[in-house]
Amino acid sequence: MSGTVSGAMRLSPQPGEEIDRKRPFSFRWNGDSVPAFDGDTIASALAASGLRVFSRSYKYHRPRGLLTANFHDPGCFFQVGDEPTCAARTGWPNRP
């Protein structure tokens, strides 16, 4: 990814979804701006932007992405600020 990425892969609105599409924001991922909505997780926003490899395994550096579409997906971890190994399902701390 380079530059601003779009949400071209995002599903259409679904009944009962947790995402508030009236409250968009963006965040930085590897130097790129990624669009997101209030209620998105890191993983859901990156997947909606077309990213499929989110992290690498510790030992063999194999690609890791979403394993399931479940909130409890154990597939990968990120560093959020100073906090290492946050699960991909994590939201943003201290978001208004």
PDB file of N, CA and C in Angstrom:
ATOM      1  N   MET A   1       0.860  -1.171   0.000  1.00  0.00           N
ATOM      2  CA  MET A   1       0.000   0.000   0.000  1.00  0.00           C
ATOM      3  C   MET A   1       0.898   1.224   0.000  1.00  0.00           C
ATOM      4  N   SER A   2       0.467   2.188  -0.728  1.00  0.00           N
ATOM      5  CA  SER A   2       1.242   3.415  -0.742  1.00  0.00           C
ATOM      6  C   SER A   2       0.292   4.572  -0.962  1.00  0.00           C
ATOM      7  N   GLY A   3       0.471   5.642  -0.195  1.00  0.00           N
ATOM      8  CA  GLY A   3      -0.468   6.757  -0.264  1.00  0.00           C
ATOM      9  C   GLY A   3      -1.725   6.438   0.515  1.00  0.00           C
ATOM     10  N   THR A   4      -2.813   7.110   0.178  1.00  0.00           N
ATOM     11  CA  THR A   4      -4.084   6.870   0.852  1.00  0.00           C
ATOM     12  C   THR A   4      -4.760   5.657   0.228  1.00  0.00           C
ATOM     13  N   VAL A   5      -5.259   4.755   1.052  1.00  0.00           N
ATOM     14  CA  VAL A   5      -5.956   3.582   0.545  1.00  0.00           C
ATOM     15  C   VAL A   5      -7.449   3.801   0.662  1.00  0.00           C
ATOM     16  N   SER A   6      -8.200   3.148  -0.189  1.00  0.00           N
ATOM     17  CA  SER A   6      -9.655   3.338  -0.189  1.00  0.00           C
ATOM     18  C   SER A   6     -10.334   2.199   0.541  1.00  0.00           C
ATOM     19  N   GLY A   7     -11.610   2.364   0.808  1.00  0.00           N
ATOM     20  CA  GLY A   7     -12.407   1.325   1.433  1.00  0.00           C
ATOM     21  C   GLY A   7     -13.187   0.546   0.398  1.00  0.00           C
ATOM     22  N   ALA A   8     -12.580   0.317  -0.770  1.00  0.00           N
ATOM     23  CA  ALA A   8     -13.263  -0.303  -1.900  1.00  0.00           C
ATOM     24  C   ALA A   8     -13.737  -1.729  -1.621  1.00  0.00           C
ATOM     25  N   MET A   9     -13.143  -2.411  -0.667  1.00  0.00           N
ATOM     26  CA  MET A   9     -13.491  -3.803  -0.380  1.00  0.00           C
ATOM     27  C   MET A   9     -14.536  -3.916   0.738  1.00  0.00           C
ATOM     28  N   ARG A  10     -15.044  -2.808   1.221  1.00  0.00           N
ATOM     29  CA  ARG A  10     -15.976  -2.818   2.349  1.00  0.00           C
ATOM     30  C   ARG A  10     -17.337  -3.372   1.925  1.00  0.00           C
ATOM     31  N   LEU A  11     -17.913  -4.208   2.779  1.00  0.00           N
ATOM     32  CA  LEU A  11     -19.251  -4.735   2.534  1.00  0.00           C
ATOM     33  C   LEU A  11     -20.284  -3.629   2.665  1.00  0.00           C
ATOM     34  N   SER A  12     -21.424  -3.825   2.054  1.00  0.00           N
ATOM     35  CA  SER A  12     -22.515  -2.863   2.210  1.00  0.00           C
ATOM     36  C   SER A  12     -23.059  -2.945   3.638  1.00  0.00           C
ATOM     37  N   PRO A  13     -23.795  -1.931   4.094  1.00  0.00           N
ATOM     38  CA  PRO A  13     -24.332  -1.955   5.460  1.00  0.00           C
ATOM     39  C   PRO A  13     -25.152  -3.221   5.729  1.00  0.00           C
ATOM     40  N   GLN A  14     -24.970  -3.780   6.916  1.00  0.00           N
ATOM     41  CA  GLN A  14     -25.647  -5.014   7.320  1.00  0.00           C
ATOM     42  C   GLN A  14     -26.516  -4.745   8.547  1.00  0.00           C
ATOM     43  N   PRO A  15     -27.653  -5.420   8.688  1.00  0.00           N
ATOM     44  CA  PRO A  15     -28.483  -5.232   9.879  1.00  0.00           C
ATOM     45  C   PRO A  15     -27.725  -5.618  11.146  1.00  0.00           C
ATOM     46  N   GLY A  16     -27.784  -4.754  12.154  1.00  0.00           N
ATOM     47  CA  GLY A  16     -27.175  -5.040  13.452  1.00  0.00           C
ATOM     48  C   GLY A  16     -25.676  -4.868  13.521  1.00  0.00           C
ATOM     49  N   GLU A  17     -25.059  -4.299  12.499  1.00  0.00           N
ATOM     50  CA  GLU A  17     -23.606  -4.139  12.549  1.00  0.00           C
ATOM     51  C   GLU A  17     -23.205  -3.105  13.582  1.00  0.00           C
ATOM     52  N   GLU A  18     -21.998  -3.245  14.089  1.00  0.00           N
ATOM     53  CA  GLU A  18     -21.471  -2.352  15.123  1.00  0.00           C
ATOM     54  C   GLU A  18     -20.824  -1.105  14.547  1.00  0.00           C
ATOM     55  N   ILE A  19     -20.633  -1.065  13.261  1.00  0.00           N
ATOM     56  CA  ILE A  19     -19.938   0.050  12.619  1.00  0.00           C
ATOM     57  C   ILE A  19     -20.897   1.215  12.414  1.00  0.00           C
ATOM     58  N   ASP A  20     -20.476   2.410  12.834  1.00  0.00           N
ATOM     59  CA  ASP A  20     -21.272   3.627  12.642  1.00  0.00           C
ATOM     60  C   ASP A  20     -20.706   4.378  11.437  1.00  0.00           C
ATOM     61  N   ARG A  21     -21.309   4.177  10.279  1.00  0.00           N
ATOM     62  CA  ARG A  21     -20.802   4.745   9.032  1.00  0.00           C
ATOM     63  C   ARG A  21     -20.964   6.262   8.952  1.00  0.00           C
ATOM     64  N   LYS A  22     -21.630   6.844   9.920  1.00  0.00           N
ATOM     65  CA  LYS A  22     -21.762   8.306   9.968  1.00  0.00           C
ATOM     66  C   LYS A  22     -20.586   8.953  10.687  1.00  0.00           C
ATOM     67  N   ARG A  23     -19.682   8.149  11.256  1.00  0.00           N
ATOM     68  CA  ARG A  23     -18.529   8.678  12.007  1.00  0.00           C
ATOM     69  C   ARG A  23     -17.218   8.137  11.427  1.00  0.00           C
ATOM     70  N   PRO A  24     -16.841   8.613  10.251  1.00  0.00           N
ATOM     71  CA  PRO A  24     -15.589   8.142   9.656  1.00  0.00           C
ATOM     72  C   PRO A  24     -14.370   8.799  10.302  1.00  0.00           C
ATOM     73  N   PHE A  25     -13.248   8.138  10.221  1.00  0.00           N
ATOM     74  CA  PHE A  25     -11.958   8.688  10.617  1.00  0.00           C
ATOM     75  C   PHE A  25     -10.898   7.916   9.839  1.00  0.00           C
ATOM     76  N   SER A  26      -9.666   8.274  10.000  1.00  0.00           N
ATOM     77  CA  SER A  26      -8.596   7.516   9.358  1.00  0.00           C
ATOM     78  C   SER A  26      -7.465   7.320  10.355  1.00  0.00           C
ATOM     79  N   PHE A  27      -6.618   6.336  10.073  1.00  0.00           N
ATOM     80  CA  PHE A  27      -5.448   6.079  10.899  1.00  0.00           C
ATOM     81  C   PHE A  27      -4.283   5.746   9.985  1.00  0.00           C
ATOM     82  N   ARG A  28      -3.092   5.761  10.545  1.00  0.00           N
ATOM     83  CA  ARG A  28      -1.887   5.490   9.762  1.00  0.00           C
ATOM     84  C   ARG A  28      -1.481   4.035   9.932  1.00  0.00           C
ATOM     85  N   TRP A  29      -1.171   3.388   8.812  1.00  0.00           N
ATOM     86  CA  TRP A  29      -0.702   2.007   8.820  1.00  0.00           C
ATOM     87  C   TRP A  29       0.496   1.931   7.881  1.00  0.00           C
ATOM     88  N   ASN A  30       1.669   1.690   8.431  1.00  0.00           N
ATOM     89  CA  ASN A  30       2.902   1.622   7.646  1.00  0.00           C
ATOM     90  C   ASN A  30       3.070   2.839   6.740  1.00  0.00           C
ATOM     91  N   GLY A  31       2.723   4.003   7.265  1.00  0.00           N
ATOM     92  CA  GLY A  31       2.904   5.246   6.535  1.00  0.00           C
ATOM     93  C   GLY A  31       1.747   5.636   5.629  1.00  0.00           C
ATOM     94  N   ASP A  32       0.740   4.784   5.491  1.00  0.00           N
ATOM     95  CA  ASP A  32      -0.413   5.076   4.650  1.00  0.00           C
ATOM     96  C   ASP A  32      -1.621   5.451   5.497  1.00  0.00           C
ATOM     97  N   SER A  33      -2.489   6.274   4.942  1.00  0.00           N
ATOM     98  CA  SER A  33      -3.728   6.640   5.611  1.00  0.00           C
ATOM     99  C   SER A  33      -4.799   5.609   5.251  1.00  0.00           C
ATOM    100  N   VAL A  34      -5.431   5.020   6.262  1.00  0.00           N
ATOM    101  CA  VAL A  34      -6.447   3.991   6.055  1.00  0.00           C
ATOM    102  C   VAL A  34      -7.782   4.518   6.572  1.00  0.00           C
ATOM    103  N   PRO A  35      -8.835   4.519   5.728  1.00  0.00           N
ATOM    104  CA  PRO A  35     -10.143   4.971   6.190  1.00  0.00           C
ATOM    105  C   PRO A  35     -10.797   3.932   7.104  1.00  0.00           C
ATOM    106  N   ALA A  36     -11.541   4.413   8.084  1.00  0.00           N
ATOM    107  CA  ALA A  36     -12.236   3.529   9.017  1.00  0.00           C
ATOM    108  C   ALA A  36     -13.495   4.238   9.503  1.00  0.00           C
ATOM    109  N   PHE A  37     -14.336   3.491  10.192  1.00  0.00           N
ATOM    110  CA  PHE A  37     -15.541   4.039  10.809  1.00  0.00           C
ATOM    111  C   PHE A  37     -15.519   3.717  12.293  1.00  0.00           C
ATOM    112  N   ASP A  38     -16.208   4.520  13.080  1.00  0.00           N
ATOM    113  CA  ASP A  38     -16.350   4.237  14.500  1.00  0.00           C
ATOM    114  C   ASP A  38     -16.963   2.842  14.638  1.00  0.00           C
ATOM    115  N   GLY A  39     -16.372   1.997  15.426  1.00  0.00           N
ATOM    116  CA  GLY A  39     -16.840   0.624  15.595  1.00  0.00           C
ATOM    117  C   GLY A  39     -16.012  -0.382  14.819  1.00  0.00           C
ATOM    118  N   ASP A  40     -15.216   0.074  13.854  1.00  0.00           N
ATOM    119  CA  ASP A  40     -14.301  -0.821  13.144  1.00  0.00           C
ATOM    120  C   ASP A  40     -13.234  -1.323  14.093  1.00  0.00           C
ATOM    121  N   THR A  41     -12.710  -2.488  13.814  1.00  0.00           N
ATOM    122  CA  THR A  41     -11.499  -2.936  14.484  1.00  0.00           C
ATOM    123  C   THR A  41     -10.339  -2.632  13.542  1.00  0.00           C
ATOM    124  N   ILE A  42      -9.138  -2.769  14.018  1.00  0.00           N
ATOM    125  CA  ILE A  42      -7.980  -2.572  13.160  1.00  0.00           C
ATOM    126  C   ILE A  42      -8.074  -3.531  11.975  1.00  0.00           C
ATOM    127  N   ALA A  43      -8.381  -4.782  12.260  1.00  0.00           N
ATOM    128  CA  ALA A  43      -8.445  -5.802  11.218  1.00  0.00           C
ATOM    129  C   ALA A  43      -9.550  -5.516  10.204  1.00  0.00           C
ATOM    130  N   SER A  44     -10.728  -5.109  10.649  1.00  0.00           N
ATOM    131  CA  SER A  44     -11.820  -4.876   9.715  1.00  0.00           C
ATOM    132  C   SER A  44     -11.544  -3.689   8.802  1.00  0.00           C
ATOM    133  N   ALA A  45     -10.920  -2.645   9.333  1.00  0.00           N
ATOM    134  CA  ALA A  45     -10.592  -1.479   8.507  1.00  0.00           C
ATOM    135  C   ALA A  45      -9.512  -1.830   7.485  1.00  0.00           C
ATOM    136  N   LEU A  46      -8.502  -2.582   7.889  1.00  0.00           N
ATOM    137  CA  LEU A  46      -7.453  -2.969   6.952  1.00  0.00           C
ATOM    138  C   LEU A  46      -7.984  -3.927   5.886  1.00  0.00           C
ATOM    139  N   ALA A  47      -8.835  -4.866   6.278  1.00  0.00           N
ATOM    140  CA  ALA A  47      -9.418  -5.797   5.311  1.00  0.00           C
ATOM    141  C   ALA A  47     -10.311  -5.055   4.314  1.00  0.00           C
ATOM    142  N   ALA A  48     -11.073  -4.079   4.798  1.00  0.00           N
ATOM    143  CA  ALA A  48     -11.933  -3.289   3.906  1.00  0.00           C
ATOM    144  C   ALA A  48     -11.109  -2.469   2.927  1.00  0.00           C
ATOM    145  N   SER A  49      -9.866  -2.198   3.276  1.00  0.00           N
ATOM    146  CA  SER A  49      -8.975  -1.442   2.402  1.00  0.00           C
ATOM    147  C   SER A  49      -8.206  -2.343   1.436  1.00  0.00           C
ATOM    148  N   GLY A  50      -8.440  -3.640   1.511  1.00  0.00           N
ATOM    149  CA  GLY A  50      -7.820  -4.563   0.572  1.00  0.00           C
ATOM    150  C   GLY A  50      -6.561  -5.251   1.065  1.00  0.00           C
ATOM    151  N   LEU A  51      -6.133  -4.979   2.285  1.00  0.00           N
ATOM    152  CA  LEU A  51      -4.930  -5.614   2.820  1.00  0.00           C
ATOM    153  C   LEU A  51      -5.260  -7.038   3.257  1.00  0.00           C
ATOM    154  N   ARG A  52      -4.412  -7.993   2.905  1.00  0.00           N
ATOM    155  CA  ARG A  52      -4.658  -9.387   3.271  1.00  0.00           C
ATOM    156  C   ARG A  52      -3.596  -9.960   4.208  1.00  0.00           C
ATOM    157  N   VAL A  53      -2.382  -9.422   4.208  1.00  0.00           N
ATOM    158  CA  VAL A  53      -1.329  -9.876   5.127  1.00  0.00           C
ATOM    159  C   VAL A  53      -1.152  -8.777   6.156  1.00  0.00           C
ATOM    160  N   PHE A  54      -1.467  -9.091   7.418  1.00  0.00           N
ATOM    161  CA  PHE A  54      -1.429  -8.106   8.493  1.00  0.00           C
ATOM    162  C   PHE A  54      -0.176  -8.196   9.333  1.00  0.00           C
ATOM    163  N   SER A  55       0.380  -9.390   9.455  1.00  0.00           N
ATOM    164  CA  SER A  55       1.563  -9.576  10.280  1.00  0.00           C
ATOM    165  C   SER A  55       2.285 -10.827   9.813  1.00  0.00           C
ATOM    166  N   ARG A  56       3.363 -11.154  10.493  1.00  0.00           N
ATOM    167  CA  ARG A  56       4.156 -12.345  10.171  1.00  0.00           C
ATOM    168  C   ARG A  56       4.329 -13.183  11.424  1.00  0.00           C
ATOM    169  N   SER A  57       4.451 -14.493  11.232  1.00  0.00           N
ATOM    170  CA  SER A  57       4.650 -15.373  12.387  1.00  0.00           C
ATOM    171  C   SER A  57       5.999 -15.093  13.037  1.00  0.00           C
ATOM    172  N   TYR A  58       6.094 -15.373  14.322  1.00  0.00           N
ATOM    173  CA  TYR A  58       7.305 -15.076  15.081  1.00  0.00           C
ATOM    174  C   TYR A  58       8.505 -15.905  14.614  1.00  0.00           C
ATOM    175  N   LYS A  59       8.306 -17.192  14.443  1.00  0.00           N
ATOM    176  CA  LYS A  59       9.443 -18.076  14.185  1.00  0.00           C
ATOM    177  C   LYS A  59       9.864 -18.097  12.718  1.00  0.00           C
ATOM    178  N   TYR A  60       8.925 -18.351  11.804  1.00  0.00           N
ATOM    179  CA  TYR A  60       9.269 -18.517  10.389  1.00  0.00           C
ATOM    180  C   TYR A  60       8.899 -17.325   9.519  1.00  0.00           C
ATOM    181  N   HIS A  61       8.328 -16.300  10.116  1.00  0.00           N
ATOM    182  CA  HIS A  61       7.963 -15.076   9.397  1.00  0.00           C
ATOM    183  C   HIS A  61       6.937 -15.329   8.283  1.00  0.00           C
ATOM    184  N   ARG A  62       6.093 -16.336   8.463  1.00  0.00           N
ATOM    185  CA  ARG A  62       5.054 -16.647   7.478  1.00  0.00           C
ATOM    186  C   ARG A  62       3.953 -15.595   7.559  1.00  0.00           C
ATOM    187  N   PRO A  63       3.300 -15.298   6.425  1.00  0.00           N
ATOM    188  CA  PRO A  63       2.257 -14.270   6.426  1.00  0.00           C
ATOM    189  C   PRO A  63       1.060 -14.671   7.285  1.00  0.00           C
ATOM    190  N   ARG A  64       0.493 -13.696   7.983  1.00  0.00           N
ATOM    191  CA  ARG A  64      -0.697 -13.903   8.807  1.00  0.00           C
ATOM    192  C   ARG A  64      -1.757 -12.885   8.404  1.00  0.00           C
ATOM    193  N   GLY A  65      -2.975 -13.337   8.276  1.00  0.00           N
ATOM    194  CA  GLY A  65      -4.095 -12.479   7.940  1.00  0.00           C
ATOM    195  C   GLY A  65      -5.297 -12.901   8.764  1.00  0.00           C
ATOM    196  N   LEU A  66      -6.476 -12.536   8.322  1.00  0.00           N
ATOM    197  CA  LEU A  66      -7.686 -12.926   9.039  1.00  0.00           C
ATOM    198  C   LEU A  66      -7.905 -14.420   8.907  1.00  0.00           C
ATOM    199  N   LEU A  67      -8.175 -15.079  10.012  1.00  0.00           N
ATOM    200  CA  LEU A  67      -8.454 -16.505  10.005  1.00  0.00           C
ATOM    201  C   LEU A  67      -9.958 -16.729   9.888  1.00  0.00           C
ATOM    202  N   THR A  68     -10.721 -15.894  10.553  1.00  0.00           N
ATOM    203  CA  THR A  68     -12.178 -16.004  10.535  1.00  0.00           C
ATOM    204  C   THR A  68     -12.775 -14.606  10.453  1.00  0.00           C
ATOM    205  N   ALA A  69     -14.070 -14.536  10.285  1.00  0.00           N
ATOM    206  CA  ALA A  69     -14.762 -13.250  10.323  1.00  0.00           C
ATOM    207  C   ALA A  69     -15.360 -13.018  11.706  1.00  0.00           C
ATOM    208  N   ASN A  70     -14.902 -13.768  12.674  1.00  0.00           N
ATOM    209  CA  ASN A  70     -15.390 -13.702  14.038  1.00  0.00           C
ATOM    210  C   ASN A  70     -14.627 -12.626  14.799  1.00  0.00           C
ATOM    211  N   PHE A  71     -15.269 -11.998  15.757  1.00  0.00           N
ATOM    212  CA  PHE A  71     -14.637 -10.973  16.582  1.00  0.00           C
ATOM    213  C   PHE A  71     -13.433 -11.531  17.340  1.00  0.00           C
ATOM    214  N   HIS A  72     -13.430 -12.816  17.639  1.00  0.00           N
ATOM    215  CA  HIS A  72     -12.357 -13.424  18.436  1.00  0.00           C
ATOM    216  C   HIS A  72     -11.285 -14.064  17.561  1.00  0.00           C
ATOM    217  N   ASP A  73     -11.069 -13.548  16.374  1.00  0.00           N
ATOM    218  CA  ASP A  73     -10.077 -14.085  15.449  1.00  0.00           C
ATOM    219  C   ASP A  73      -8.688 -14.059  16.074  1.00  0.00           C
ATOM    220  N   PRO A  74      -8.019 -15.225  16.180  1.00  0.00           N
ATOM    221  CA  PRO A  74      -6.687 -15.265  16.783  1.00  0.00           C
ATOM    222  C   PRO A  74      -5.555 -15.086  15.775  1.00  0.00           C
ATOM    223  N   GLY A  75      -5.886 -14.694  14.542  1.00  0.00           N
ATOM    224  CA  GLY A  75      -4.932 -14.735  13.442  1.00  0.00           C
ATOM    225  C   GLY A  75      -3.684 -13.896  13.551  1.00  0.00           C
ATOM    226  N   CYS A  76      -3.734 -12.714  14.100  1.00  0.00           N
ATOM    227  CA  CYS A  76      -2.527 -11.891  14.091  1.00  0.00           C
ATOM    228  C   CYS A  76      -2.579 -10.830  15.179  1.00  0.00           C
ATOM    229  N   PHE A  77      -1.409 -10.217  15.382  1.00  0.00           N
ATOM    230  CA  PHE A  77      -1.250  -9.200  16.417  1.00  0.00           C
ATOM    231  C   PHE A  77      -0.587  -7.964  15.830  1.00  0.00           C
ATOM    232  N   PHE A  78      -0.820  -6.822  16.473  1.00  0.00           N
ATOM    233  CA  PHE A  78      -0.237  -5.554  16.055  1.00  0.00           C
ATOM    234  C   PHE A  78       0.400  -4.883  17.256  1.00  0.00           C
ATOM    235  N   GLN A  79       1.183  -3.868  16.971  1.00  0.00           N
ATOM    236  CA  GLN A  79       1.630  -2.970  18.029  1.00  0.00           C
ATOM    237  C   GLN A  79       0.802  -1.703  17.891  1.00  0.00           C
ATOM    238  N   VAL A  80       0.129  -1.303  18.958  1.00  0.00           N
ATOM    239  CA  VAL A  80      -0.689  -0.091  18.978  1.00  0.00           C
ATOM    240  C   VAL A  80      -0.034   0.873  19.956  1.00  0.00           C
ATOM    241  N   GLY A  81       0.543   1.942  19.426  1.00  0.00           N
ATOM    242  CA  GLY A  81       1.287   2.867  20.272  1.00  0.00           C
ATOM    243  C   GLY A  81       2.453   2.152  20.920  1.00  0.00           C
ATOM    244  N   ASP A  82       2.515   2.166  22.243  1.00  0.00           N
ATOM    245  CA  ASP A  82       3.594   1.490  22.973  1.00  0.00           C
ATOM    246  C   ASP A  82       3.219   0.075  23.389  1.00  0.00           C
ATOM    247  N   GLU A  83       2.014  -0.353  23.057  1.00  0.00           N
ATOM    248  CA  GLU A  83       1.524  -1.663  23.498  1.00  0.00           C
ATOM    249  C   GLU A  83       1.766  -2.721  22.417  1.00  0.00           C
ATOM    250  N   PRO A  84       2.731  -3.654  22.653  1.00  0.00           N
ATOM    251  CA  PRO A  84       2.977  -4.706  21.662  1.00  0.00           C
ATOM    252  C   PRO A  84       1.932  -5.815  21.771  1.00  0.00           C
ATOM    253  N   THR A  85       1.831  -6.612  20.777  1.00  0.00           N
ATOM    254  CA  THR A  85       0.954  -7.784  20.695  1.00  0.00           C
ATOM    255  C   THR A  85      -0.506  -7.504  21.071  1.00  0.00           C
ATOM    256  N   CYS A  86      -1.099  -6.501  20.462  1.00  0.00           N
ATOM    257  CA  CYS A  86      -2.541  -6.287  20.590  1.00  0.00           C
ATOM    258  C   CYS A  86      -3.231  -7.144  19.537  1.00  0.00           C
ATOM    259  N   ALA A  87      -4.294  -7.822  19.916  1.00  0.00           N
ATOM    260  CA  ALA A  87      -5.017  -8.653  18.965  1.00  0.00           C
ATOM    261  C   ALA A  87      -5.601  -7.793  17.849  1.00  0.00           C
ATOM    262  N   ALA A  88      -5.702  -8.355  16.661  1.00  0.00           N
ATOM    263  CA  ALA A  88      -6.214  -7.627  15.504  1.00  0.00           C
ATOM    264  C   ALA A  88      -7.645  -7.146  15.715  1.00  0.00           C
ATOM    265  N   ARG A  89      -8.363  -7.782  16.608  1.00  0.00           N
ATOM    266  CA  ARG A  89      -9.755  -7.390  16.863  1.00  0.00           C
ATOM    267  C   ARG A  89      -9.839  -6.157  17.755  1.00  0.00           C
ATOM    268  N   THR A  90      -8.693  -5.659  18.201  1.00  0.00           N
ATOM    269  CA  THR A  90      -8.658  -4.520  19.111  1.00  0.00           C
ATOM    270  C   THR A  90      -9.140  -3.262  18.411  1.00  0.00           C
ATOM    271  N   GLY A  91      -9.869  -2.463  19.118  1.00  0.00           N
ATOM    272  CA  GLY A  91     -10.261  -1.149  18.606  1.00  0.00           C
ATOM    273  C   GLY A  91      -9.218  -0.132  18.991  1.00  0.00           C
ATOM    274  N   TRP A  92      -9.552   1.108  18.959  1.00  0.00           N
ATOM    275  CA  TRP A  92      -8.616   2.171  19.287  1.00  0.00           C
ATOM    276  C   TRP A  92      -8.873   2.646  20.695  1.00  0.00           C
ATOM    277  N   PRO A  93      -7.869   2.594  21.564  1.00  0.00           N
ATOM    278  CA  PRO A  93      -8.066   3.080  22.922  1.00  0.00           C
ATOM    279  C   PRO A  93      -8.270   4.596  22.936  1.00  0.00           C
ATOM    280  N   ASN A  94      -9.098   5.041  23.850  1.00  0.00           N
ATOM    281  CA  ASN A  94      -9.345   6.477  24.058  1.00  0.00           C
ATOM    282  C   ASN A  94      -9.937   7.184  22.850  1.00  0.00           C
ATOM    283  N   ARG A  95     -10.670   6.463  21.985  1.00  0.00           N
ATOM    284  CA  ARG A  95     -11.369   7.120  20.880  1.00  0.00           C
ATOM    285  C   ARG A  95     -12.606   7.801  21.447  1.00  0.00           C
ATOM    286  N   PRO A  96     -12.876   9.049  21.070  1.00  0.00           N
ATOM    287  CA  PRO A  96     -14.075   9.736  21.582  1.00  0.00           C
ATOM    288  C   PRO A  96     -15.343   9.115  21.049  1.00  0.00           C
TER     289      PRO A  96
END
